[in-house]
Amino acid sequence: MSVQDYVSYRDRLVKACSKAIVGKEKEITLIAVCYLCGGHILLEDVPGTGKTMLFRAFSKACGGSFKRIQFTPDVMPSDVTGINFYNMKAGEFEFRPGPVFADLVLADEINRATPRTQSSLLEAMAEGQVSVDGVTRPMSETFMVAATQNPIESYGTFPLPEAQMDRFMMRLKLGYMSRDEEMGVAVRRDTNDIIAEIDPVVTAEETLRLRGELDSIEISETVLGYVMDIIEKTRNDSRFNIGSSVRGTIALCKTARAYAAFDGRSFVTPDDVKTLAPYVIAHRLYYRTAVESSQAEADFASMLNEVSAPTEEIGE
């Protein structure tokens, strides 16, 4: 295994996606980290910040099959997973797969779906399979869900339950472009045309090979202890009613390994952990009292800074 394979993988994805989405190299890298780790991502921001466009571009660059589910309150679970229908010509029931059976699935405005429909994604996201009428069908090995939601608007929405939030490996906010970047985008040709021209730059086989070699990225006892310090702090801090799950611990270690590899290193540093913690852990926490999103971010950053990071040299 060469870490340069990971660097090349990241650079190709960032370059391809940057043709459509300007100034979001870090965000593209984080989505690539999540994809390489076999996780799912929640893109949470106000409308018009490029959430849908970014994942469409990423899907084109990955070369896998892509499906988009536009969630509304009247979308049923069967609209997501698929149905068995009676084929009169064949004289038997046949399964018609739903849009969840794709390599990369965009669950657009997921919080507009009812809880019952939201839960139809749980089995697919957690176990990589879907059960319909007693028959279990596997998902693609490179299956990934990117869900979007607007954190500001609450009318006609159904907040994601704790169990579903915990299924997302990361939560990511895109934010606005810089002034110069937005001026350039305002006068360029249509983004849909640009996305249509993006060619696949990585393959499923390459993704699975690199995913299988992530365990060779070293995470020392010292760094692992720092991970646990952060996790235990979330469970004991008076600001939180519920701290991070064990799934969060595993996700932070996995993503830190991928992030280190993308940076050309064969070992994880405390900085990798600290950089990723807000994206991997923050959305798994529940406050004792209701707070605004900006205050929640500030509280998490404050808590993270209260945990002492190792200062000894890590790696070679």
C-alpha atoms as a PDB file:
ATOM      1  CA  MET A   1       0.000   0.000   0.000  1.00  0.00           C
ATOM      2  CA  SER A   2       1.283   3.459  -0.919  1.00  0.00           C
ATOM      3  CA  VAL A   3      -0.228   6.564   0.614  1.00  0.00           C
ATOM      4  CA  GLN A   4       0.344   8.261  -2.724  1.00  0.00           C
ATOM      5  CA  ASP A   5      -2.500   6.133  -4.092  1.00  0.00           C
ATOM      6  CA  TYR A   6      -4.793   7.867  -1.605  1.00  0.00           C
ATOM      7  CA  VAL A   7      -3.414  11.305  -2.449  1.00  0.00           C
ATOM      8  CA  SER A   8      -4.000  10.671  -6.155  1.00  0.00           C
ATOM      9  CA  TYR A   9      -7.531   9.403  -5.452  1.00  0.00           C
ATOM     10  CA  ARG A  10      -8.371  12.550  -3.484  1.00  0.00           C
ATOM     11  CA  ASP A  11      -6.781  14.934  -5.993  1.00  0.00           C
ATOM     12  CA  ARG A  12      -8.713  13.452  -8.911  1.00  0.00           C
ATOM     13  CA  LEU A  13     -12.041  13.764  -7.116  1.00  0.00           C
ATOM     14  CA  VAL A  14     -11.350  17.324  -5.956  1.00  0.00           C
ATOM     15  CA  LYS A  15     -10.245  18.427  -9.420  1.00  0.00           C
ATOM     16  CA  ALA A  16     -13.286  16.886 -11.126  1.00  0.00           C
ATOM     17  CA  CYS A  17     -15.849  18.257  -8.648  1.00  0.00           C
ATOM     18  CA  SER A  18     -14.239  21.692  -8.591  1.00  0.00           C
ATOM     19  CA  LYS A  19     -15.235  22.152 -12.223  1.00  0.00           C
ATOM     20  CA  ALA A  20     -18.834  22.504 -11.018  1.00  0.00           C
ATOM     21  CA  ILE A  21     -18.481  23.642  -7.394  1.00  0.00           C
ATOM     22  CA  VAL A  22     -16.032  26.476  -6.809  1.00  0.00           C
ATOM     23  CA  GLY A  23     -14.012  26.984  -3.636  1.00  0.00           C
ATOM     24  CA  LYS A  24     -15.136  23.835  -1.796  1.00  0.00           C
ATOM     25  CA  GLU A  25     -11.985  21.704  -1.874  1.00  0.00           C
ATOM     26  CA  LYS A  26     -12.169  20.924   1.855  1.00  0.00           C
ATOM     27  CA  GLU A  27     -15.835  19.923   1.639  1.00  0.00           C
ATOM     28  CA  ILE A  28     -15.159  17.690  -1.387  1.00  0.00           C
ATOM     29  CA  THR A  29     -12.312  16.046   0.529  1.00  0.00           C
ATOM     30  CA  LEU A  30     -14.603  15.373   3.495  1.00  0.00           C
ATOM     31  CA  ILE A  31     -17.249  13.777   1.245  1.00  0.00           C
ATOM     32  CA  ALA A  32     -14.492  11.659  -0.313  1.00  0.00           C
ATOM     33  CA  VAL A  33     -13.353  10.623   3.185  1.00  0.00           C
ATOM     34  CA  CYS A  34     -16.901   9.561   4.019  1.00  0.00           C
ATOM     35  CA  TYR A  35     -17.296   7.670   0.735  1.00  0.00           C
ATOM     36  CA  LEU A  36     -13.985   5.869   1.140  1.00  0.00           C
ATOM     37  CA  CYS A  37     -14.994   4.807   4.656  1.00  0.00           C
ATOM     38  CA  GLY A  38     -18.332   3.430   3.444  1.00  0.00           C
ATOM     39  CA  GLY A  39     -20.328   6.026   5.372  1.00  0.00           C
ATOM     40  CA  HIS A  40     -23.246   8.373   4.713  1.00  0.00           C
ATOM     41  CA  ILE A  41     -23.308  12.155   4.932  1.00  0.00           C
ATOM     42  CA  LEU A  42     -25.846  14.799   5.936  1.00  0.00           C
ATOM     43  CA  LEU A  43     -25.519  18.058   3.999  1.00  0.00           C
ATOM     44  CA  GLU A  44     -27.196  20.677   6.127  1.00  0.00           C
ATOM     45  CA  ASP A  45     -27.419  24.294   5.021  1.00  0.00           C
ATOM     46  CA  VAL A  46     -29.745  26.975   3.733  1.00  0.00           C
ATOM     47  CA  PRO A  47     -31.090  26.660   0.150  1.00  0.00           C
ATOM     48  CA  GLY A  48     -28.892  27.735  -2.721  1.00  0.00           C
ATOM     49  CA  THR A  49     -25.493  26.823  -1.291  1.00  0.00           C
ATOM     50  CA  GLY A  50     -24.853  24.003  -3.788  1.00  0.00           C
ATOM     51  CA  LYS A  51     -25.625  20.893  -1.709  1.00  0.00           C
ATOM     52  CA  THR A  52     -27.395  19.045  -4.514  1.00  0.00           C
ATOM     53  CA  MET A  53     -24.976  20.206  -7.217  1.00  0.00           C
ATOM     54  CA  LEU A  54     -21.975  19.131  -5.165  1.00  0.00           C
ATOM     55  CA  PHE A  55     -23.199  15.575  -4.670  1.00  0.00           C
ATOM     56  CA  ARG A  56     -24.303  15.277  -8.291  1.00  0.00           C
ATOM     57  CA  ALA A  57     -20.804  16.297  -9.378  1.00  0.00           C
ATOM     58  CA  PHE A  58     -19.253  13.886  -6.892  1.00  0.00           C
ATOM     59  CA  SER A  59     -21.423  11.037  -8.189  1.00  0.00           C
ATOM     60  CA  LYS A  60     -20.354  11.719 -11.774  1.00  0.00           C
ATOM     61  CA  ALA A  61     -16.699  11.714 -10.715  1.00  0.00           C
ATOM     62  CA  CYS A  62     -17.151   8.367  -8.932  1.00  0.00           C
ATOM     63  CA  GLY A  63     -18.788   6.806 -11.979  1.00  0.00           C
ATOM     64  CA  GLY A  64     -21.426   4.847 -10.076  1.00  0.00           C
ATOM     65  CA  SER A  65     -25.174   4.786 -10.623  1.00  0.00           C
ATOM     66  CA  PHE A  66     -26.950   7.816  -9.152  1.00  0.00           C
ATOM     67  CA  LYS A  67     -30.548   8.283  -8.008  1.00  0.00           C
ATOM     68  CA  ARG A  68     -32.264  11.272  -6.428  1.00  0.00           C
ATOM     69  CA  ILE A  69     -35.253  11.008  -4.098  1.00  0.00           C
ATOM     70  CA  GLN A  70     -37.163  14.254  -3.637  1.00  0.00           C
ATOM     71  CA  PHE A  71     -38.792  13.856  -0.242  1.00  0.00           C
ATOM     72  CA  THR A  72     -42.218  15.317   0.507  1.00  0.00           C
ATOM     73  CA  PRO A  73     -44.761  14.349   3.182  1.00  0.00           C
ATOM     74  CA  ASP A  74     -46.652  12.112   0.743  1.00  0.00           C
ATOM     75  CA  VAL A  75     -43.653   9.957  -0.226  1.00  0.00           C
ATOM     76  CA  MET A  76     -44.233   6.397   0.991  1.00  0.00           C
ATOM     77  CA  PRO A  77     -41.611   3.851   2.140  1.00  0.00           C
ATOM     78  CA  SER A  78     -42.317   1.755  -0.967  1.00  0.00           C
ATOM     79  CA  ASP A  79     -41.437   4.797  -3.104  1.00  0.00           C
ATOM     80  CA  VAL A  80     -37.951   4.496  -1.641  1.00  0.00           C
ATOM     81  CA  THR A  81     -37.344   0.748  -1.325  1.00  0.00           C
ATOM     82  CA  GLY A  82     -39.461  -0.596  -4.200  1.00  0.00           C
ATOM     83  CA  ILE A  83     -42.498  -2.863  -4.512  1.00  0.00           C
ATOM     84  CA  ASN A  84     -43.584  -6.319  -5.611  1.00  0.00           C
ATOM     85  CA  PHE A  85     -46.078  -6.086  -8.456  1.00  0.00           C
ATOM     86  CA  TYR A  86     -48.023  -8.745 -10.280  1.00  0.00           C
ATOM     87  CA  ASN A  87     -46.831  -9.293 -13.838  1.00  0.00           C
ATOM     88  CA  MET A  88     -49.922 -10.544 -15.632  1.00  0.00           C
ATOM     89  CA  LYS A  89     -47.939 -11.686 -18.659  1.00  0.00           C
ATOM     90  CA  ALA A  90     -45.552 -13.785 -16.578  1.00  0.00           C
ATOM     91  CA  GLY A  91     -48.266 -14.791 -14.123  1.00  0.00           C
ATOM     92  CA  GLU A  92     -46.120 -14.045 -11.065  1.00  0.00           C
ATOM     93  CA  PHE A  93     -44.987 -11.281  -8.745  1.00  0.00           C
ATOM     94  CA  GLU A  94     -41.849  -9.349  -9.660  1.00  0.00           C
ATOM     95  CA  PHE A  95     -39.802  -6.917  -7.633  1.00  0.00           C
ATOM     96  CA  ARG A  96     -39.464  -3.382  -8.969  1.00  0.00           C
ATOM     97  CA  PRO A  97     -36.504  -1.830  -7.123  1.00  0.00           C
ATOM     98  CA  GLY A  98     -36.851   1.670  -5.731  1.00  0.00           C
ATOM     99  CA  PRO A  99     -34.343   4.501  -6.136  1.00  0.00           C
ATOM    100  CA  VAL A 100     -32.452   3.422  -3.012  1.00  0.00           C
ATOM    101  CA  PHE A 101     -30.912   0.654  -5.136  1.00  0.00           C
ATOM    102  CA  ALA A 102     -28.116   2.765  -6.582  1.00  0.00           C
ATOM    103  CA  ASP A 103     -24.455   3.325  -5.784  1.00  0.00           C
ATOM    104  CA  LEU A 104     -24.973   6.941  -4.727  1.00  0.00           C
ATOM    105  CA  VAL A 105     -28.364   8.157  -3.497  1.00  0.00           C
ATOM    106  CA  LEU A 106     -29.317  11.775  -2.889  1.00  0.00           C
ATOM    107  CA  ALA A 107     -32.084  12.016  -0.285  1.00  0.00           C
ATOM    108  CA  ASP A 108     -33.141  15.591  -0.978  1.00  0.00           C
ATOM    109  CA  GLU A 109     -34.852  17.455   1.884  1.00  0.00           C
ATOM    110  CA  ILE A 110     -35.056  14.287   3.942  1.00  0.00           C
ATOM    111  CA  ASN A 111     -36.704  16.077   6.872  1.00  0.00           C
ATOM    112  CA  ARG A 112     -39.814  16.706   4.752  1.00  0.00           C
ATOM    113  CA  ALA A 113     -40.583  12.982   4.748  1.00  0.00           C
ATOM    114  CA  THR A 114     -42.685  11.419   7.501  1.00  0.00           C
ATOM    115  CA  PRO A 115     -40.871   9.405  10.192  1.00  0.00           C
ATOM    116  CA  ARG A 116     -42.126   6.158   8.659  1.00  0.00           C
ATOM    117  CA  THR A 117     -40.582   7.027   5.300  1.00  0.00           C
ATOM    118  CA  GLN A 118     -37.379   8.299   6.896  1.00  0.00           C
ATOM    119  CA  SER A 119     -37.023   4.979   8.698  1.00  0.00           C
ATOM    120  CA  SER A 120     -37.192   3.098   5.383  1.00  0.00           C
ATOM    121  CA  LEU A 121     -33.599   4.222   4.835  1.00  0.00           C
ATOM    122  CA  LEU A 122     -32.357   2.943   8.199  1.00  0.00           C
ATOM    123  CA  GLU A 123     -31.775  -0.694   7.239  1.00  0.00           C
ATOM    124  CA  ALA A 124     -30.067   0.275   3.987  1.00  0.00           C
ATOM    125  CA  MET A 125     -27.776   2.790   5.699  1.00  0.00           C
ATOM    126  CA  ALA A 126     -26.922   0.660   8.722  1.00  0.00           C
ATOM    127  CA  GLU A 127     -26.756  -2.845   7.251  1.00  0.00           C
ATOM    128  CA  GLY A 128     -26.330  -2.401   3.504  1.00  0.00           C
ATOM    129  CA  GLN A 129     -29.537  -4.250   2.694  1.00  0.00           C
ATOM    130  CA  VAL A 130     -33.270  -3.721   2.217  1.00  0.00           C
ATOM    131  CA  SER A 131     -36.072  -6.098   3.215  1.00  0.00           C
ATOM    132  CA  VAL A 132     -39.331  -5.998   1.239  1.00  0.00           C
ATOM    133  CA  ASP A 133     -42.120  -8.529   1.873  1.00  0.00           C
ATOM    134  CA  GLY A 134     -39.768 -10.802   3.765  1.00  0.00           C
ATOM    135  CA  VAL A 135     -37.052 -10.871   1.121  1.00  0.00           C
ATOM    136  CA  THR A 136     -33.705  -9.218   1.886  1.00  0.00           C
ATOM    137  CA  ARG A 137     -31.760  -7.684  -0.969  1.00  0.00           C
ATOM    138  CA  PRO A 138     -28.180  -6.382  -0.687  1.00  0.00           C
ATOM    139  CA  MET A 139     -27.103  -2.875  -1.622  1.00  0.00           C
ATOM    140  CA  SER A 140     -24.138  -1.981  -3.790  1.00  0.00           C
ATOM    141  CA  GLU A 141     -20.740  -2.323  -2.085  1.00  0.00           C
ATOM    142  CA  THR A 142     -20.155   1.372  -2.770  1.00  0.00           C
ATOM    143  CA  PHE A 143     -23.628   2.404  -1.589  1.00  0.00           C
ATOM    144  CA  MET A 144     -23.722   5.899  -0.087  1.00  0.00           C
ATOM    145  CA  VAL A 145     -26.564   8.178   0.990  1.00  0.00           C
ATOM    146  CA  ALA A 146     -26.154  11.949   0.974  1.00  0.00           C
ATOM    147  CA  ALA A 147     -29.153  13.567   2.621  1.00  0.00           C
ATOM    148  CA  THR A 148     -29.872  17.290   2.489  1.00  0.00           C
ATOM    149  CA  GLN A 149     -31.940  19.417   4.807  1.00  0.00           C
ATOM    150  CA  ASN A 150     -32.579  23.088   5.523  1.00  0.00           C
ATOM    151  CA  PRO A 151     -31.878  23.714   9.238  1.00  0.00           C
ATOM    152  CA  ILE A 152     -33.736  27.037   9.258  1.00  0.00           C
ATOM    153  CA  GLU A 153     -37.188  26.130   7.948  1.00  0.00           C
ATOM    154  CA  SER A 154     -39.305  24.023  10.311  1.00  0.00           C
ATOM    155  CA  TYR A 155     -42.807  24.317   8.780  1.00  0.00           C
ATOM    156  CA  GLY A 156     -43.892  21.002   7.255  1.00  0.00           C
ATOM    157  CA  THR A 157     -40.774  19.151   8.398  1.00  0.00           C
ATOM    158  CA  PHE A 158     -40.122  16.142  10.629  1.00  0.00           C
ATOM    159  CA  PRO A 159     -36.825  16.304  12.574  1.00  0.00           C
ATOM    160  CA  LEU A 160     -34.613  13.265  12.085  1.00  0.00           C
ATOM    161  CA  PRO A 161     -34.719  10.939  15.123  1.00  0.00           C
ATOM    162  CA  GLU A 162     -31.603  10.128  17.129  1.00  0.00           C
ATOM    163  CA  ALA A 163     -31.250   6.661  15.572  1.00  0.00           C
ATOM    164  CA  GLN A 164     -31.157   8.075  12.061  1.00  0.00           C
ATOM    165  CA  MET A 165     -28.798  10.939  12.894  1.00  0.00           C
ATOM    166  CA  ASP A 166     -26.393   8.363  14.294  1.00  0.00           C
ATOM    167  CA  ARG A 167     -26.383   6.546  10.944  1.00  0.00           C
ATOM    168  CA  PHE A 168     -24.741   9.522   9.251  1.00  0.00           C
ATOM    169  CA  MET A 169     -20.977   9.293   9.475  1.00  0.00           C
ATOM    170  CA  MET A 170     -20.658  13.060   8.977  1.00  0.00           C
ATOM    171  CA  ARG A 171     -22.701  16.221   8.973  1.00  0.00           C
ATOM    172  CA  LEU A 172     -21.381  18.947   6.706  1.00  0.00           C
ATOM    173  CA  LYS A 173     -22.300  22.567   6.057  1.00  0.00           C
ATOM    174  CA  LEU A 174     -21.151  24.175   2.823  1.00  0.00           C
ATOM    175  CA  GLY A 175     -21.566  27.863   3.560  1.00  0.00           C
ATOM    176  CA  TYR A 176     -21.465  30.637   0.987  1.00  0.00           C
ATOM    177  CA  MET A 177     -18.724  31.220  -1.557  1.00  0.00           C
ATOM    178  CA  SER A 178     -16.314  34.116  -1.319  1.00  0.00           C
ATOM    179  CA  ARG A 179     -17.273  37.333  -3.114  1.00  0.00           C
ATOM    180  CA  ASP A 180     -14.897  36.718  -6.040  1.00  0.00           C
ATOM    181  CA  GLU A 181     -15.953  33.074  -6.397  1.00  0.00           C
ATOM    182  CA  GLU A 182     -19.641  33.998  -6.482  1.00  0.00           C
ATOM    183  CA  MET A 183     -19.043  36.743  -9.071  1.00  0.00           C
ATOM    184  CA  GLY A 184     -17.330  34.177 -11.299  1.00  0.00           C
ATOM    185  CA  VAL A 185     -20.129  31.638 -10.919  1.00  0.00           C
ATOM    186  CA  ALA A 186     -22.790  34.271 -11.653  1.00  0.00           C
ATOM    187  CA  VAL A 187     -21.569  34.795 -15.232  1.00  0.00           C
ATOM    188  CA  ARG A 188     -20.350  31.337 -16.222  1.00  0.00           C
ATOM    189  CA  ARG A 189     -22.364  28.824 -18.213  1.00  0.00           C
ATOM    190  CA  ASP A 190     -25.020  26.631 -16.621  1.00  0.00           C
ATOM    191  CA  THR A 191     -23.733  24.317 -13.878  1.00  0.00           C
ATOM    192  CA  ASN A 192     -25.873  21.438 -15.198  1.00  0.00           C
ATOM    193  CA  ASP A 193     -23.922  21.540 -18.453  1.00  0.00           C
ATOM    194  CA  ILE A 194     -20.645  21.467 -16.539  1.00  0.00           C
ATOM    195  CA  ILE A 195     -21.728  18.488 -14.420  1.00  0.00           C
ATOM    196  CA  ALA A 196     -22.813  16.620 -17.565  1.00  0.00           C
ATOM    197  CA  GLU A 197     -19.242  16.928 -18.869  1.00  0.00           C
ATOM    198  CA  ILE A 198     -17.582  15.453 -15.753  1.00  0.00           C
ATOM    199  CA  ASP A 199     -16.078  12.047 -16.504  1.00  0.00           C
ATOM    200  CA  PRO A 200     -15.494   9.297 -13.921  1.00  0.00           C
ATOM    201  CA  VAL A 201     -12.045   9.690 -12.365  1.00  0.00           C
ATOM    202  CA  VAL A 202     -12.153   6.787  -9.875  1.00  0.00           C
ATOM    203  CA  THR A 203     -13.631   3.296 -10.072  1.00  0.00           C
ATOM    204  CA  ALA A 204     -15.574   1.142  -7.632  1.00  0.00           C
ATOM    205  CA  GLU A 205     -12.731  -1.382  -7.690  1.00  0.00           C
ATOM    206  CA  GLU A 206     -10.203   1.286  -6.708  1.00  0.00           C
ATOM    207  CA  THR A 207     -12.475   2.569  -3.947  1.00  0.00           C
ATOM    208  CA  LEU A 208     -12.954  -0.910  -2.475  1.00  0.00           C
ATOM    209  CA  ARG A 209      -9.226  -1.671  -2.687  1.00  0.00           C
ATOM    210  CA  LEU A 210      -8.231   1.528  -0.885  1.00  0.00           C
ATOM    211  CA  ARG A 211     -11.035   1.037   1.647  1.00  0.00           C
ATOM    212  CA  GLY A 212      -9.694  -2.422   2.419  1.00  0.00           C
ATOM    213  CA  GLU A 213      -6.194  -1.054   3.019  1.00  0.00           C
ATOM    214  CA  LEU A 214      -7.203   1.720   5.430  1.00  0.00           C
ATOM    215  CA  ASP A 215      -6.406  -0.486   8.437  1.00  0.00           C
ATOM    216  CA  SER A 216      -2.723  -0.148   7.527  1.00  0.00           C
ATOM    217  CA  ILE A 217      -2.869   3.564   8.440  1.00  0.00           C
ATOM    218  CA  GLU A 218      -1.485   3.619  11.982  1.00  0.00           C
ATOM    219  CA  ILE A 219      -3.480   5.076  14.847  1.00  0.00           C
ATOM    220  CA  SER A 220      -1.308   4.958  17.944  1.00  0.00           C
ATOM    221  CA  GLU A 221      -2.429   4.290  21.510  1.00  0.00           C
ATOM    222  CA  THR A 222      -1.744   7.946  22.269  1.00  0.00           C
ATOM    223  CA  VAL A 223      -4.053   9.184  19.501  1.00  0.00           C
ATOM    224  CA  LEU A 224      -6.644   6.539  20.318  1.00  0.00           C
ATOM    225  CA  GLY A 225      -6.576   7.746  23.903  1.00  0.00           C
ATOM    226  CA  TYR A 226      -7.228  11.297  22.649  1.00  0.00           C
ATOM    227  CA  VAL A 227     -10.242  10.017  20.684  1.00  0.00           C
ATOM    228  CA  MET A 228     -11.615   8.417  23.835  1.00  0.00           C
ATOM    229  CA  ASP A 229     -10.979  11.580  25.861  1.00  0.00           C
ATOM    230  CA  ILE A 230     -13.211  13.480  23.420  1.00  0.00           C
ATOM    231  CA  ILE A 231     -15.899  10.789  23.432  1.00  0.00           C
ATOM    232  CA  GLU A 232     -15.971  10.509  27.221  1.00  0.00           C
ATOM    233  CA  LYS A 233     -16.088  14.296  27.539  1.00  0.00           C
ATOM    234  CA  THR A 234     -19.303  14.359  25.471  1.00  0.00           C
ATOM    235  CA  ARG A 235     -20.837  11.764  27.793  1.00  0.00           C
ATOM    236  CA  ASN A 236     -19.914  13.570  30.998  1.00  0.00           C
ATOM    237  CA  ASP A 237     -20.303  17.231  30.013  1.00  0.00           C
ATOM    238  CA  SER A 238     -23.248  18.922  31.719  1.00  0.00           C
ATOM    239  CA  ARG A 239     -24.289  20.647  28.480  1.00  0.00           C
ATOM    240  CA  PHE A 240     -25.224  17.348  26.832  1.00  0.00           C
ATOM    241  CA  ASN A 241     -28.076  15.023  27.689  1.00  0.00           C
ATOM    242  CA  ILE A 242     -26.773  12.297  25.379  1.00  0.00           C
ATOM    243  CA  GLY A 243     -23.120  11.942  24.408  1.00  0.00           C
ATOM    244  CA  SER A 244     -21.540  10.230  21.428  1.00  0.00           C
ATOM    245  CA  SER A 245     -22.421   6.628  20.600  1.00  0.00           C
ATOM    246  CA  VAL A 246     -19.894   3.841  20.087  1.00  0.00           C
ATOM    247  CA  ARG A 247     -20.696   4.203  16.383  1.00  0.00           C
ATOM    248  CA  GLY A 248     -19.349   7.748  16.655  1.00  0.00           C
ATOM    249  CA  THR A 249     -16.084   6.481  18.158  1.00  0.00           C
ATOM    250  CA  ILE A 250     -15.612   3.999  15.319  1.00  0.00           C
ATOM    251  CA  ALA A 251     -16.478   6.642  12.715  1.00  0.00           C
ATOM    252  CA  LEU A 252     -13.972   9.138  14.121  1.00  0.00           C
ATOM    253  CA  CYS A 253     -11.164   6.558  13.989  1.00  0.00           C
ATOM    254  CA  LYS A 254     -12.094   5.451  10.458  1.00  0.00           C
ATOM    255  CA  THR A 255     -12.361   8.948   9.027  1.00  0.00           C
ATOM    256  CA  ALA A 256      -9.143  10.056  10.726  1.00  0.00           C
ATOM    257  CA  ARG A 257      -7.306   7.242   8.973  1.00  0.00           C
ATOM    258  CA  ALA A 258      -8.711   8.227   5.578  1.00  0.00           C
ATOM    259  CA  TYR A 259      -8.017  11.915   6.209  1.00  0.00           C
ATOM    260  CA  ALA A 260      -4.402  11.144   7.127  1.00  0.00           C
ATOM    261  CA  ALA A 261      -3.966   8.990   4.012  1.00  0.00           C
ATOM    262  CA  PHE A 262      -5.377  11.765   1.808  1.00  0.00           C
ATOM    263  CA  ASP A 263      -2.735  14.032   3.352  1.00  0.00           C
ATOM    264  CA  GLY A 264      -0.011  11.610   2.324  1.00  0.00           C
ATOM    265  CA  ARG A 265       0.667  10.127   5.763  1.00  0.00           C
ATOM    266  CA  SER A 266       0.639   6.535   7.015  1.00  0.00           C
ATOM    267  CA  PHE A 267      -0.281   7.598  10.564  1.00  0.00           C
ATOM    268  CA  VAL A 268      -3.010   9.598  12.283  1.00  0.00           C
ATOM    269  CA  THR A 269      -2.189  12.738  14.273  1.00  0.00           C
ATOM    270  CA  PRO A 270      -4.206  14.471  17.020  1.00  0.00           C
ATOM    271  CA  ASP A 271      -4.833  17.308  14.532  1.00  0.00           C
ATOM    272  CA  ASP A 272      -6.623  14.866  12.219  1.00  0.00           C
ATOM    273  CA  VAL A 273      -8.914  13.869  15.077  1.00  0.00           C
ATOM    274  CA  LYS A 274      -9.560  17.449  16.167  1.00  0.00           C
ATOM    275  CA  THR A 275     -10.278  18.553  12.587  1.00  0.00           C
ATOM    276  CA  LEU A 276     -12.824  15.794  11.993  1.00  0.00           C
ATOM    277  CA  ALA A 277     -14.557  15.720  15.387  1.00  0.00           C
ATOM    278  CA  PRO A 278     -17.003  18.596  14.622  1.00  0.00           C
ATOM    279  CA  TYR A 279     -18.153  16.812  11.454  1.00  0.00           C
ATOM    280  CA  VAL A 280     -18.283  13.291  12.915  1.00  0.00           C
ATOM    281  CA  ILE A 281     -19.361  13.782  16.534  1.00  0.00           C
ATOM    282  CA  ALA A 282     -21.314  17.035  16.929  1.00  0.00           C
ATOM    283  CA  HIS A 283     -24.539  15.844  15.265  1.00  0.00           C
ATOM    284  CA  ARG A 284     -24.692  12.804  17.579  1.00  0.00           C
ATOM    285  CA  LEU A 285     -25.057  14.955  20.716  1.00  0.00           C
ATOM    286  CA  TYR A 286     -28.278  16.140  22.332  1.00  0.00           C
ATOM    287  CA  TYR A 287     -28.422  19.187  24.540  1.00  0.00           C
ATOM    288  CA  ARG A 288     -30.177  19.360  27.898  1.00  0.00           C
ATOM    289  CA  THR A 289     -31.837  22.593  26.771  1.00  0.00           C
ATOM    290  CA  ALA A 290     -32.774  23.781  23.277  1.00  0.00           C
ATOM    291  CA  VAL A 291     -30.070  25.933  21.687  1.00  0.00           C
ATOM    292  CA  GLU A 292     -29.641  27.624  18.319  1.00  0.00           C
ATOM    293  CA  SER A 293     -27.440  25.941  15.722  1.00  0.00           C
ATOM    294  CA  SER A 294     -24.721  28.588  16.019  1.00  0.00           C
ATOM    295  CA  GLN A 295     -24.676  28.230  19.817  1.00  0.00           C
ATOM    296  CA  ALA A 296     -24.474  24.434  19.524  1.00  0.00           C
ATOM    297  CA  GLU A 297     -21.430  24.770  17.265  1.00  0.00           C
ATOM    298  CA  ALA A 298     -19.809  27.196  19.685  1.00  0.00           C
ATOM    299  CA  ASP A 299     -20.494  24.897  22.638  1.00  0.00           C
ATOM    300  CA  PHE A 300     -19.001  21.912  20.853  1.00  0.00           C
ATOM    301  CA  ALA A 301     -15.900  23.895  19.839  1.00  0.00           C
ATOM    302  CA  SER A 302     -15.524  25.036  23.439  1.00  0.00           C
ATOM    303  CA  MET A 303     -15.853  21.480  24.720  1.00  0.00           C
ATOM    304  CA  LEU A 304     -13.324  20.215  22.169  1.00  0.00           C
ATOM    305  CA  ASN A 305     -10.793  22.820  23.271  1.00  0.00           C
ATOM    306  CA  GLU A 306     -11.214  21.698  26.862  1.00  0.00           C
ATOM    307  CA  VAL A 307      -9.825  18.268  25.953  1.00  0.00           C
ATOM    308  CA  SER A 308      -6.029  18.308  26.008  1.00  0.00           C
ATOM    309  CA  ALA A 309      -4.477  17.009  22.801  1.00  0.00           C
ATOM    310  CA  PRO A 310      -1.261  14.937  22.953  1.00  0.00           C
ATOM    311  CA  THR A 311       1.817  17.028  22.247  1.00  0.00           C
ATOM    312  CA  GLU A 312       4.394  14.283  21.721  1.00  0.00           C
ATOM    313  CA  GLU A 313       5.531  13.552  18.195  1.00  0.00           C
ATOM    314  CA  ILE A 314       3.320  11.031  16.416  1.00  0.00           C
ATOM    315  CA  GLY A 315       4.467   8.832  13.525  1.00  0.00           C
ATOM    316  CA  GLU A 316       7.851   8.710  11.889  1.00  0.00           C
END
